[in-house]
Amino acid sequence: MFSRKTEELLWRLEQVRLAGRKALLFKPVIDTRYAKDAVVTHDGREVKAHLLQPGEESLEKLEEIVGAKALKEADVVAFDEGNFFSERFPALCEELVALGKRVIVAGLDLTYAGEPFGPMPTLLALADKVEKRAAICTRCGGFATRTQRLIAGKPAPLNGPVIKVGGAESYAPRCRQCYAEERGETYGASHGSARTGE
């Protein structure tokens, strides 16, 4: 989290608009952090989005939501929080690509427990291009590739629910070392470069 992945997604969609192309933006219905029917960055930038229920990822459902004409005319179909979708999601992305659509997905690759998140491993393997972004560790200022879920400022137990929608009040970006240290785990001394991302 906090790697500006949603900001990047919205920037790409703005480029599509400036090029005179048509784009559709979807988000999972369970992402209600800042707005029900919009994708919103942590710093408040907001773009209207269509809601898609996880488990209902199909071309037919997209047509039902936006209309067959709008889907046909779209050059780009984008999804925020791809990690919240079901295992059906990669097949939908592949179908859209087969129809000649450019598909852009933003999402977390790892859960707060450091495990692969939902359909993201499959999407990463199928994608023609992957850009992995990192945040800044709020403990040491290093290269943050982990997300620490917090409860009253302390790391949450790793056996909690995988999906818990939240923002800065519930999550903090961490480098590998700070993530482990904060959990009381040991992180090897030979991995000191984790703080700088080198």
N, C-alpha and C. Protein backbone atom coordinates (compact mmCIF):
# COMPACT_ATOMS: atom_id res chain seq x y z
N MET A 1 0.83 -1.20 0.00
CA MET A 1 0.00 0.00 0.00
C MET A 1 0.87 1.25 0.00
N PHE A 2 0.26 2.35 -0.38
CA PHE A 2 0.92 3.66 -0.37
C PHE A 2 2.07 3.76 -1.36
N SER A 3 2.01 2.95 -2.42
CA SER A 3 3.05 3.00 -3.46
C SER A 3 2.60 3.85 -4.65
N ARG A 4 1.46 4.48 -4.53
CA ARG A 4 0.88 5.34 -5.57
C ARG A 4 0.43 4.55 -6.79
N LYS A 5 0.05 3.28 -6.56
CA LYS A 5 -0.40 2.45 -7.69
C LYS A 5 -1.71 2.97 -8.26
N THR A 6 -2.63 3.43 -7.42
CA THR A 6 -3.89 3.97 -7.92
C THR A 6 -3.65 5.30 -8.62
N GLU A 7 -2.75 6.11 -8.10
CA GLU A 7 -2.39 7.36 -8.75
C GLU A 7 -1.84 7.09 -10.15
N GLU A 8 -1.01 6.07 -10.27
CA GLU A 8 -0.44 5.69 -11.57
C GLU A 8 -1.55 5.22 -12.52
N LEU A 9 -2.48 4.43 -12.01
CA LEU A 9 -3.60 3.95 -12.82
C LEU A 9 -4.41 5.12 -13.36
N LEU A 10 -4.74 6.07 -12.50
CA LEU A 10 -5.53 7.23 -12.93
C LEU A 10 -4.75 8.09 -13.91
N TRP A 11 -3.43 8.22 -13.73
CA TRP A 11 -2.60 8.97 -14.68
C TRP A 11 -2.64 8.32 -16.05
N ARG A 12 -2.55 6.99 -16.09
CA ARG A 12 -2.60 6.28 -17.37
C ARG A 12 -3.95 6.48 -18.05
N LEU A 13 -5.01 6.47 -17.28
CA LEU A 13 -6.34 6.69 -17.86
C LEU A 13 -6.48 8.12 -18.37
N GLU A 14 -5.85 9.07 -17.71
CA GLU A 14 -5.86 10.45 -18.20
C GLU A 14 -5.13 10.54 -19.53
N GLN A 15 -4.05 9.81 -19.69
CA GLN A 15 -3.32 9.79 -20.96
C GLN A 15 -4.18 9.20 -22.08
N VAL A 16 -4.96 8.17 -21.74
CA VAL A 16 -5.88 7.57 -22.71
C VAL A 16 -6.90 8.61 -23.15
N ARG A 17 -7.46 9.34 -22.20
CA ARG A 17 -8.45 10.38 -22.50
C ARG A 17 -7.84 11.48 -23.38
N LEU A 18 -6.64 11.92 -23.02
CA LEU A 18 -5.98 12.98 -23.79
C LEU A 18 -5.67 12.54 -25.22
N ALA A 19 -5.48 11.23 -25.41
CA ALA A 19 -5.21 10.69 -26.75
C ALA A 19 -6.50 10.50 -27.55
N GLY A 20 -7.65 10.85 -26.95
CA GLY A 20 -8.92 10.74 -27.65
C GLY A 20 -9.48 9.33 -27.68
N ARG A 21 -8.99 8.49 -26.80
CA ARG A 21 -9.45 7.09 -26.72
C ARG A 21 -10.47 6.96 -25.60
N LYS A 22 -11.21 5.85 -25.61
CA LYS A 22 -12.23 5.61 -24.60
C LYS A 22 -11.74 4.56 -23.60
N ALA A 23 -12.06 4.80 -22.34
CA ALA A 23 -11.66 3.88 -21.28
C ALA A 23 -12.81 3.64 -20.32
N LEU A 24 -12.82 2.47 -19.74
CA LEU A 24 -13.76 2.12 -18.69
C LEU A 24 -12.95 1.78 -17.44
N LEU A 25 -13.44 2.20 -16.29
CA LEU A 25 -12.76 1.94 -15.02
C LEU A 25 -13.71 1.19 -14.10
N PHE A 26 -13.21 0.09 -13.54
CA PHE A 26 -13.99 -0.74 -12.62
C PHE A 26 -13.24 -0.87 -11.30
N LYS A 27 -14.02 -1.09 -10.26
CA LYS A 27 -13.44 -1.40 -8.96
C LYS A 27 -14.35 -2.40 -8.26
N PRO A 28 -13.81 -3.20 -7.33
CA PRO A 28 -14.65 -4.15 -6.62
C PRO A 28 -15.61 -3.44 -5.66
N VAL A 29 -16.82 -3.97 -5.56
CA VAL A 29 -17.83 -3.33 -4.70
C VAL A 29 -17.38 -3.27 -3.25
N ILE A 30 -16.48 -4.14 -2.84
CA ILE A 30 -16.07 -4.16 -1.43
C ILE A 30 -15.11 -3.04 -1.07
N ASP A 31 -14.56 -2.33 -2.06
CA ASP A 31 -13.64 -1.23 -1.78
C ASP A 31 -14.45 0.04 -1.52
N THR A 32 -14.77 0.26 -0.26
CA THR A 32 -15.61 1.40 0.12
C THR A 32 -14.84 2.41 0.97
N ARG A 33 -13.51 2.37 0.93
CA ARG A 33 -12.71 3.23 1.81
C ARG A 33 -13.05 4.71 1.71
N TYR A 34 -13.02 5.26 0.52
CA TYR A 34 -13.17 6.70 0.38
C TYR A 34 -14.47 7.09 -0.32
N ALA A 35 -14.93 6.26 -1.25
CA ALA A 35 -16.16 6.54 -1.99
C ALA A 35 -16.71 5.24 -2.52
N LYS A 36 -18.03 5.14 -2.57
CA LYS A 36 -18.66 3.91 -3.04
C LYS A 36 -18.47 3.70 -4.54
N ASP A 37 -18.65 4.77 -5.33
CA ASP A 37 -18.66 4.61 -6.78
C ASP A 37 -17.54 5.37 -7.48
N ALA A 38 -16.40 5.47 -6.81
CA ALA A 38 -15.25 6.15 -7.41
C ALA A 38 -13.96 5.51 -6.92
N VAL A 39 -12.94 5.59 -7.75
CA VAL A 39 -11.60 5.22 -7.34
C VAL A 39 -10.97 6.48 -6.80
N VAL A 40 -10.44 6.41 -5.59
CA VAL A 40 -9.91 7.59 -4.91
C VAL A 40 -8.50 7.27 -4.41
N THR A 41 -7.57 8.16 -4.70
CA THR A 41 -6.20 7.99 -4.22
C THR A 41 -6.14 8.38 -2.74
N HIS A 42 -5.05 8.01 -2.07
CA HIS A 42 -4.89 8.36 -0.66
C HIS A 42 -4.84 9.86 -0.45
N ASP A 43 -4.43 10.61 -1.49
CA ASP A 43 -4.39 12.07 -1.32
C ASP A 43 -5.64 12.77 -1.87
N GLY A 44 -6.68 11.98 -2.21
CA GLY A 44 -7.97 12.56 -2.52
C GLY A 44 -8.36 12.72 -3.97
N ARG A 45 -7.50 12.35 -4.91
CA ARG A 45 -7.90 12.43 -6.32
C ARG A 45 -8.97 11.37 -6.58
N GLU A 46 -10.02 11.75 -7.30
CA GLU A 46 -11.19 10.88 -7.44
C GLU A 46 -11.66 10.80 -8.89
N VAL A 47 -11.94 9.56 -9.33
CA VAL A 47 -12.48 9.32 -10.67
C VAL A 47 -13.62 8.32 -10.54
N LYS A 48 -14.74 8.64 -11.16
CA LYS A 48 -15.90 7.74 -11.11
C LYS A 48 -15.54 6.37 -11.67
N ALA A 49 -16.11 5.33 -11.06
CA ALA A 49 -15.82 3.96 -11.49
C ALA A 49 -17.09 3.13 -11.45
N HIS A 50 -17.10 2.09 -12.25
CA HIS A 50 -18.19 1.12 -12.25
C HIS A 50 -17.86 0.04 -11.22
N LEU A 51 -18.89 -0.43 -10.54
CA LEU A 51 -18.70 -1.43 -9.48
C LEU A 51 -18.86 -2.84 -10.04
N LEU A 52 -17.93 -3.72 -9.66
CA LEU A 52 -17.97 -5.11 -10.09
C LEU A 52 -17.86 -6.00 -8.86
N GLN A 53 -18.78 -6.93 -8.75
CA GLN A 53 -18.81 -7.85 -7.61
C GLN A 53 -17.77 -8.95 -7.80
N PRO A 54 -16.86 -9.15 -6.84
CA PRO A 54 -15.95 -10.29 -6.94
C PRO A 54 -16.73 -11.59 -7.06
N GLY A 55 -16.28 -12.44 -7.97
CA GLY A 55 -16.98 -13.70 -8.24
C GLY A 55 -17.89 -13.61 -9.46
N GLU A 56 -18.14 -12.38 -9.93
CA GLU A 56 -19.01 -12.17 -11.10
C GLU A 56 -18.23 -11.60 -12.28
N GLU A 57 -16.93 -11.85 -12.32
CA GLU A 57 -16.08 -11.30 -13.37
C GLU A 57 -16.30 -12.04 -14.68
N SER A 58 -17.03 -11.40 -15.61
CA SER A 58 -17.30 -11.99 -16.92
C SER A 58 -17.63 -10.87 -17.90
N LEU A 59 -17.47 -11.17 -19.19
CA LEU A 59 -17.83 -10.18 -20.21
C LEU A 59 -19.31 -9.83 -20.12
N GLU A 60 -20.13 -10.84 -19.87
CA GLU A 60 -21.58 -10.61 -19.78
C GLU A 60 -21.90 -9.63 -18.64
N LYS A 61 -21.20 -9.78 -17.54
CA LYS A 61 -21.45 -8.89 -16.39
C LYS A 61 -21.00 -7.46 -16.72
N LEU A 62 -19.85 -7.33 -17.38
CA LEU A 62 -19.40 -5.99 -17.76
C LEU A 62 -20.40 -5.33 -18.70
N GLU A 63 -20.93 -6.11 -19.67
CA GLU A 63 -21.93 -5.58 -20.58
C GLU A 63 -23.19 -5.17 -19.83
N GLU A 64 -23.57 -5.96 -18.84
CA GLU A 64 -24.75 -5.63 -18.03
C GLU A 64 -24.53 -4.32 -17.27
N ILE A 65 -23.31 -4.10 -16.80
CA ILE A 65 -23.01 -2.91 -16.01
C ILE A 65 -22.92 -1.65 -16.87
N VAL A 66 -22.18 -1.72 -18.00
CA VAL A 66 -21.94 -0.50 -18.79
C VAL A 66 -22.67 -0.48 -20.12
N GLY A 67 -23.20 -1.61 -20.54
CA GLY A 67 -23.84 -1.72 -21.85
C GLY A 67 -22.88 -2.30 -22.87
N ALA A 68 -23.42 -3.09 -23.80
CA ALA A 68 -22.59 -3.76 -24.81
C ALA A 68 -21.88 -2.74 -25.70
N LYS A 69 -22.56 -1.64 -26.03
CA LYS A 69 -21.96 -0.63 -26.90
C LYS A 69 -20.76 0.02 -26.25
N ALA A 70 -20.88 0.41 -24.98
CA ALA A 70 -19.78 1.06 -24.27
C ALA A 70 -18.58 0.13 -24.14
N LEU A 71 -18.85 -1.15 -23.87
CA LEU A 71 -17.75 -2.10 -23.75
C LEU A 71 -17.08 -2.30 -25.10
N LYS A 72 -17.87 -2.39 -26.15
CA LYS A 72 -17.30 -2.58 -27.49
C LYS A 72 -16.44 -1.40 -27.90
N GLU A 73 -16.88 -0.18 -27.56
CA GLU A 73 -16.17 1.03 -27.98
C GLU A 73 -14.95 1.35 -27.12
N ALA A 74 -14.84 0.73 -25.97
CA ALA A 74 -13.71 1.03 -25.06
C ALA A 74 -12.40 0.50 -25.64
N ASP A 75 -11.40 1.36 -25.66
CA ASP A 75 -10.06 0.95 -26.08
C ASP A 75 -9.31 0.34 -24.90
N VAL A 76 -9.60 0.86 -23.71
CA VAL A 76 -8.91 0.44 -22.49
C VAL A 76 -9.94 0.07 -21.43
N VAL A 77 -9.70 -1.03 -20.74
CA VAL A 77 -10.53 -1.42 -19.60
C VAL A 77 -9.58 -1.55 -18.41
N ALA A 78 -9.86 -0.76 -17.38
CA ALA A 78 -8.97 -0.71 -16.22
C ALA A 78 -9.69 -1.17 -14.96
N PHE A 79 -8.91 -1.74 -14.06
CA PHE A 79 -9.44 -2.24 -12.79
C PHE A 79 -8.53 -1.79 -11.66
N ASP A 80 -9.12 -1.25 -10.61
CA ASP A 80 -8.36 -0.93 -9.41
C ASP A 80 -8.60 -2.03 -8.39
N GLU A 81 -7.65 -2.22 -7.49
CA GLU A 81 -7.73 -3.23 -6.43
C GLU A 81 -8.01 -4.62 -6.99
N GLY A 82 -7.25 -5.00 -8.01
CA GLY A 82 -7.40 -6.32 -8.62
C GLY A 82 -7.26 -7.46 -7.63
N ASN A 83 -6.54 -7.22 -6.55
CA ASN A 83 -6.35 -8.25 -5.53
C ASN A 83 -7.64 -8.66 -4.85
N PHE A 84 -8.66 -7.79 -4.87
CA PHE A 84 -9.94 -8.11 -4.22
C PHE A 84 -10.86 -8.96 -5.10
N PHE A 85 -10.52 -9.12 -6.37
CA PHE A 85 -11.36 -9.92 -7.24
C PHE A 85 -11.10 -11.41 -7.04
N SER A 86 -11.95 -12.24 -7.65
CA SER A 86 -11.87 -13.69 -7.45
C SER A 86 -10.92 -14.32 -8.46
N GLU A 87 -10.80 -15.62 -8.37
CA GLU A 87 -9.93 -16.37 -9.28
C GLU A 87 -10.48 -16.36 -10.72
N ARG A 88 -11.70 -15.86 -10.93
CA ARG A 88 -12.27 -15.73 -12.27
C ARG A 88 -11.70 -14.51 -13.00
N PHE A 89 -11.12 -13.60 -12.27
CA PHE A 89 -10.68 -12.32 -12.82
C PHE A 89 -9.62 -12.45 -13.92
N PRO A 90 -8.57 -13.28 -13.77
CA PRO A 90 -7.59 -13.38 -14.85
C PRO A 90 -8.19 -13.82 -16.19
N ALA A 91 -9.16 -14.74 -16.14
CA ALA A 91 -9.81 -15.19 -17.38
C ALA A 91 -10.55 -14.04 -18.05
N LEU A 92 -11.20 -13.18 -17.26
CA LEU A 92 -11.87 -12.00 -17.82
C LEU A 92 -10.85 -11.08 -18.50
N CYS A 93 -9.74 -10.85 -17.84
CA CYS A 93 -8.69 -9.99 -18.43
C CYS A 93 -8.20 -10.58 -19.75
N GLU A 94 -8.00 -11.88 -19.79
CA GLU A 94 -7.55 -12.54 -21.02
C GLU A 94 -8.59 -12.40 -22.13
N GLU A 95 -9.88 -12.52 -21.79
CA GLU A 95 -10.95 -12.34 -22.79
C GLU A 95 -10.96 -10.93 -23.34
N LEU A 96 -10.76 -9.95 -22.47
CA LEU A 96 -10.73 -8.55 -22.91
C LEU A 96 -9.55 -8.31 -23.85
N VAL A 97 -8.40 -8.87 -23.52
CA VAL A 97 -7.23 -8.73 -24.39
C VAL A 97 -7.50 -9.37 -25.74
N ALA A 98 -8.15 -10.54 -25.74
CA ALA A 98 -8.47 -11.23 -26.99
C ALA A 98 -9.42 -10.40 -27.85
N LEU A 99 -10.19 -9.52 -27.23
CA LEU A 99 -11.09 -8.62 -27.97
C LEU A 99 -10.37 -7.36 -28.45
N GLY A 100 -9.07 -7.28 -28.19
CA GLY A 100 -8.30 -6.12 -28.64
C GLY A 100 -8.24 -4.98 -27.64
N LYS A 101 -8.69 -5.23 -26.42
CA LYS A 101 -8.67 -4.18 -25.40
C LYS A 101 -7.30 -4.14 -24.72
N ARG A 102 -6.88 -2.96 -24.36
CA ARG A 102 -5.73 -2.82 -23.46
C ARG A 102 -6.29 -2.92 -22.06
N VAL A 103 -5.74 -3.81 -21.25
CA VAL A 103 -6.23 -4.02 -19.89
C VAL A 103 -5.16 -3.55 -18.92
N ILE A 104 -5.58 -2.71 -17.98
CA ILE A 104 -4.67 -2.21 -16.95
C ILE A 104 -5.26 -2.60 -15.60
N VAL A 105 -4.44 -3.23 -14.76
CA VAL A 105 -4.88 -3.65 -13.43
C VAL A 105 -3.91 -3.10 -12.40
N ALA A 106 -4.44 -2.46 -11.37
CA ALA A 106 -3.64 -2.04 -10.23
C ALA A 106 -4.07 -2.88 -9.04
N GLY A 107 -3.12 -3.32 -8.25
CA GLY A 107 -3.46 -4.12 -7.08
C GLY A 107 -2.24 -4.53 -6.30
N LEU A 108 -2.48 -5.03 -5.11
CA LEU A 108 -1.40 -5.52 -4.25
C LEU A 108 -1.04 -6.95 -4.64
N ASP A 109 0.24 -7.25 -4.67
CA ASP A 109 0.66 -8.62 -4.98
C ASP A 109 0.74 -9.49 -3.73
N LEU A 110 0.88 -8.87 -2.56
CA LEU A 110 1.00 -9.61 -1.30
C LEU A 110 -0.04 -9.17 -0.29
N THR A 111 -0.50 -10.11 0.52
CA THR A 111 -1.39 -9.79 1.64
C THR A 111 -0.57 -9.17 2.77
N TYR A 112 -1.24 -8.74 3.81
CA TYR A 112 -0.54 -8.20 4.97
C TYR A 112 0.30 -9.28 5.65
N ALA A 113 0.01 -10.55 5.38
CA ALA A 113 0.79 -11.66 5.95
C ALA A 113 1.96 -12.05 5.05
N GLY A 114 2.14 -11.32 3.95
CA GLY A 114 3.26 -11.60 3.06
C GLY A 114 3.02 -12.76 2.11
N GLU A 115 1.76 -13.13 1.90
CA GLU A 115 1.39 -14.23 1.00
C GLU A 115 0.84 -13.67 -0.30
N PRO A 116 0.95 -14.42 -1.42
CA PRO A 116 0.36 -13.96 -2.68
C PRO A 116 -1.13 -13.64 -2.50
N PHE A 117 -1.57 -12.55 -3.10
CA PHE A 117 -2.89 -12.00 -2.84
C PHE A 117 -3.86 -12.34 -3.98
N GLY A 118 -4.84 -13.19 -3.69
CA GLY A 118 -5.94 -13.48 -4.61
C GLY A 118 -5.47 -13.85 -6.00
N PRO A 119 -6.05 -13.22 -7.03
CA PRO A 119 -5.70 -13.57 -8.42
C PRO A 119 -4.42 -12.92 -8.92
N MET A 120 -3.76 -12.12 -8.09
CA MET A 120 -2.61 -11.36 -8.57
C MET A 120 -1.45 -12.22 -9.08
N PRO A 121 -1.09 -13.34 -8.45
CA PRO A 121 0.01 -14.15 -9.01
C PRO A 121 -0.28 -14.62 -10.44
N THR A 122 -1.51 -15.01 -10.71
CA THR A 122 -1.88 -15.44 -12.06
C THR A 122 -1.82 -14.27 -13.02
N LEU A 123 -2.34 -13.11 -12.61
CA LEU A 123 -2.29 -11.92 -13.46
C LEU A 123 -0.85 -11.52 -13.77
N LEU A 124 0.01 -11.57 -12.77
CA LEU A 124 1.41 -11.21 -12.98
C LEU A 124 2.06 -12.15 -13.99
N ALA A 125 1.71 -13.43 -13.93
CA ALA A 125 2.28 -14.41 -14.86
C ALA A 125 1.75 -14.22 -16.28
N LEU A 126 0.50 -13.82 -16.44
CA LEU A 126 -0.12 -13.67 -17.76
C LEU A 126 0.16 -12.32 -18.41
N ALA A 127 0.49 -11.33 -17.62
CA ALA A 127 0.63 -9.96 -18.13
C ALA A 127 1.77 -9.84 -19.13
N ASP A 128 1.56 -9.01 -20.14
CA ASP A 128 2.62 -8.69 -21.10
C ASP A 128 3.64 -7.75 -20.47
N LYS A 129 3.18 -6.91 -19.55
CA LYS A 129 4.06 -5.95 -18.90
C LYS A 129 3.65 -5.82 -17.44
N VAL A 130 4.64 -5.83 -16.55
CA VAL A 130 4.39 -5.69 -15.11
C VAL A 130 5.27 -4.57 -14.58
N GLU A 131 4.68 -3.67 -13.84
CA GLU A 131 5.44 -2.63 -13.14
C GLU A 131 5.15 -2.78 -11.66
N LYS A 132 6.17 -3.16 -10.93
CA LYS A 132 6.02 -3.31 -9.48
C LYS A 132 6.46 -2.03 -8.81
N ARG A 133 5.59 -1.47 -8.02
CA ARG A 133 5.89 -0.23 -7.33
C ARG A 133 6.12 -0.51 -5.85
N ALA A 134 6.90 0.33 -5.22
CA ALA A 134 7.15 0.19 -3.79
C ALA A 134 6.83 1.52 -3.11
N ALA A 135 6.50 1.41 -1.84
CA ALA A 135 6.25 2.60 -1.04
C ALA A 135 7.53 2.94 -0.26
N ILE A 136 7.42 3.87 0.65
CA ILE A 136 8.52 4.22 1.54
C ILE A 136 8.17 3.69 2.92
N CYS A 137 9.09 2.94 3.50
CA CYS A 137 8.88 2.40 4.85
C CYS A 137 8.73 3.55 5.83
N THR A 138 7.65 3.56 6.58
CA THR A 138 7.40 4.66 7.51
C THR A 138 8.15 4.49 8.83
N ARG A 139 8.94 3.41 8.95
CA ARG A 139 9.81 3.25 10.12
C ARG A 139 11.22 3.72 9.83
N CYS A 140 11.77 3.32 8.66
CA CYS A 140 13.18 3.61 8.39
C CYS A 140 13.42 4.45 7.14
N GLY A 141 12.39 4.66 6.33
CA GLY A 141 12.55 5.43 5.11
C GLY A 141 13.05 4.61 3.94
N GLY A 142 13.16 3.29 4.12
CA GLY A 142 13.67 2.42 3.07
C GLY A 142 12.62 2.04 2.04
N PHE A 143 12.97 1.08 1.22
CA PHE A 143 12.18 0.58 0.11
C PHE A 143 11.13 -0.39 0.66
N ALA A 144 9.86 0.01 0.71
CA ALA A 144 8.80 -0.78 1.35
C ALA A 144 8.09 -1.67 0.35
N THR A 145 8.22 -2.98 0.53
CA THR A 145 7.54 -3.95 -0.32
C THR A 145 6.52 -4.77 0.47
N ARG A 146 6.34 -4.45 1.72
CA ARG A 146 5.41 -5.17 2.59
C ARG A 146 4.38 -4.21 3.16
N THR A 147 3.25 -4.75 3.59
CA THR A 147 2.20 -3.96 4.22
C THR A 147 1.95 -4.54 5.60
N GLN A 148 2.12 -3.72 6.62
CA GLN A 148 1.86 -4.15 7.99
C GLN A 148 0.44 -3.75 8.36
N ARG A 149 -0.40 -4.75 8.67
CA ARG A 149 -1.74 -4.42 9.16
C ARG A 149 -1.60 -4.09 10.64
N LEU A 150 -2.25 -3.01 11.05
CA LEU A 150 -2.12 -2.55 12.42
C LEU A 150 -3.44 -2.58 13.16
N ILE A 151 -3.35 -2.94 14.44
CA ILE A 151 -4.49 -2.84 15.35
C ILE A 151 -3.98 -2.06 16.55
N ALA A 152 -4.55 -0.89 16.78
CA ALA A 152 -4.11 0.00 17.85
C ALA A 152 -2.60 0.26 17.77
N GLY A 153 -2.10 0.42 16.54
CA GLY A 153 -0.70 0.74 16.33
C GLY A 153 0.27 -0.43 16.40
N LYS A 154 -0.23 -1.63 16.64
CA LYS A 154 0.62 -2.83 16.74
C LYS A 154 0.30 -3.78 15.58
N PRO A 155 1.28 -4.61 15.16
CA PRO A 155 1.03 -5.57 14.08
C PRO A 155 -0.12 -6.51 14.41
N ALA A 156 -1.02 -6.68 13.45
CA ALA A 156 -2.17 -7.59 13.62
C ALA A 156 -1.68 -9.03 13.54
N PRO A 157 -2.38 -9.94 14.22
CA PRO A 157 -2.03 -11.37 14.09
C PRO A 157 -2.17 -11.81 12.63
N LEU A 158 -1.30 -12.70 12.19
CA LEU A 158 -1.29 -13.13 10.79
C LEU A 158 -2.44 -14.07 10.44
N ASN A 159 -3.22 -14.51 11.43
CA ASN A 159 -4.32 -15.43 11.16
C ASN A 159 -5.66 -14.71 11.01
N GLY A 160 -5.63 -13.39 10.82
CA GLY A 160 -6.86 -12.63 10.63
C GLY A 160 -7.39 -12.78 9.22
N PRO A 161 -8.52 -12.13 8.93
CA PRO A 161 -9.07 -12.21 7.57
C PRO A 161 -8.11 -11.59 6.56
N VAL A 162 -8.01 -12.19 5.38
CA VAL A 162 -7.12 -11.68 4.35
C VAL A 162 -7.58 -10.31 3.89
N ILE A 163 -8.88 -10.15 3.69
CA ILE A 163 -9.41 -8.88 3.19
C ILE A 163 -10.03 -8.09 4.34
N LYS A 164 -9.46 -6.93 4.58
CA LYS A 164 -9.99 -5.96 5.54
C LYS A 164 -9.72 -4.60 4.93
N VAL A 165 -10.74 -3.98 4.38
CA VAL A 165 -10.59 -2.72 3.68
C VAL A 165 -10.22 -1.63 4.69
N GLY A 166 -9.18 -0.86 4.35
CA GLY A 166 -8.75 0.21 5.24
C GLY A 166 -7.68 1.05 4.59
N GLY A 167 -7.30 2.11 5.28
CA GLY A 167 -6.27 3.03 4.79
C GLY A 167 -5.17 3.17 5.81
N ALA A 168 -4.69 4.38 6.00
CA ALA A 168 -3.57 4.65 6.89
C ALA A 168 -3.87 4.30 8.34
N GLU A 169 -5.14 4.27 8.71
CA GLU A 169 -5.49 3.91 10.07
C GLU A 169 -5.28 2.42 10.36
N SER A 170 -5.24 1.61 9.30
CA SER A 170 -5.15 0.16 9.46
C SER A 170 -3.90 -0.47 8.86
N TYR A 171 -3.17 0.25 8.02
CA TYR A 171 -2.03 -0.33 7.31
C TYR A 171 -0.87 0.66 7.26
N ALA A 172 0.34 0.10 7.22
CA ALA A 172 1.54 0.93 7.08
C ALA A 172 2.53 0.21 6.18
N PRO A 173 3.21 0.96 5.28
CA PRO A 173 4.21 0.35 4.42
C PRO A 173 5.49 0.05 5.21
N ARG A 174 6.08 -1.12 4.91
CA ARG A 174 7.29 -1.54 5.62
C ARG A 174 8.28 -2.17 4.64
N CYS A 175 9.58 -1.96 4.89
CA CYS A 175 10.60 -2.73 4.19
C CYS A 175 10.60 -4.13 4.82
N ARG A 176 11.28 -5.06 4.18
CA ARG A 176 11.31 -6.43 4.70
C ARG A 176 11.82 -6.48 6.14
N GLN A 177 12.90 -5.73 6.40
CA GLN A 177 13.53 -5.80 7.72
C GLN A 177 12.61 -5.23 8.80
N CYS A 178 12.05 -4.04 8.57
CA CYS A 178 11.17 -3.45 9.58
C CYS A 178 9.91 -4.27 9.78
N TYR A 179 9.40 -4.86 8.69
CA TYR A 179 8.22 -5.72 8.79
C TYR A 179 8.52 -6.87 9.76
N ALA A 180 9.66 -7.53 9.56
CA ALA A 180 10.03 -8.66 10.41
C ALA A 180 10.31 -8.20 11.84
N GLU A 181 11.09 -7.15 12.00
CA GLU A 181 11.44 -6.67 13.34
C GLU A 181 10.20 -6.28 14.14
N GLU A 182 9.28 -5.61 13.49
CA GLU A 182 8.07 -5.16 14.18
C GLU A 182 7.21 -6.34 14.62
N ARG A 183 7.34 -7.44 13.91
CA ARG A 183 6.59 -8.65 14.27
C ARG A 183 7.37 -9.50 15.26
N GLY A 184 8.56 -9.07 15.64
CA GLY A 184 9.37 -9.85 16.58
C GLY A 184 10.11 -10.99 15.91
N GLU A 185 10.25 -10.93 14.59
CA GLU A 185 10.93 -11.98 13.84
C GLU A 185 12.35 -11.53 13.52
N THR A 186 13.20 -12.47 13.16
CA THR A 186 14.58 -12.14 12.81
C THR A 186 14.70 -11.99 11.31
N TYR A 187 15.48 -11.00 10.92
CA TYR A 187 15.76 -10.80 9.50
C TYR A 187 17.26 -10.83 9.35
N GLY A 188 17.77 -11.67 8.43
CA GLY A 188 19.20 -11.90 8.28
C GLY A 188 20.03 -10.66 8.08
N ALA A 189 21.18 -10.58 8.73
CA ALA A 189 22.08 -9.44 8.64
C ALA A 189 22.60 -9.25 7.22
N SER A 190 22.68 -10.33 6.46
CA SER A 190 23.19 -10.22 5.09
C SER A 190 22.20 -9.54 4.17
N HIS A 191 21.02 -9.25 4.67
CA HIS A 191 20.00 -8.62 3.83
C HIS A 191 19.86 -7.13 4.16
N GLY A 192 20.90 -6.50 4.62
CA GLY A 192 20.85 -5.09 4.99
C GLY A 192 20.41 -4.19 3.85
N SER A 193 20.62 -4.62 2.62
CA SER A 193 20.23 -3.78 1.49
C SER A 193 18.73 -3.64 1.36
N ALA A 194 17.96 -4.42 2.15
CA ALA A 194 16.50 -4.30 2.08
C ALA A 194 16.06 -2.89 2.45
N ARG A 195 16.85 -2.19 3.27
CA ARG A 195 16.47 -0.84 3.67
C ARG A 195 16.58 0.16 2.53
N THR A 196 17.46 -0.09 1.61
CA THR A 196 17.66 0.86 0.52
C THR A 196 17.04 0.38 -0.79
N GLY A 197 16.67 -0.87 -0.85
CA GLY A 197 16.08 -1.41 -2.08
C GLY A 197 17.13 -1.74 -3.13
N GLU A 198 18.40 -1.77 -2.74
CA GLU A 198 19.48 -2.08 -3.69
C GLU A 198 19.62 -3.57 -3.89
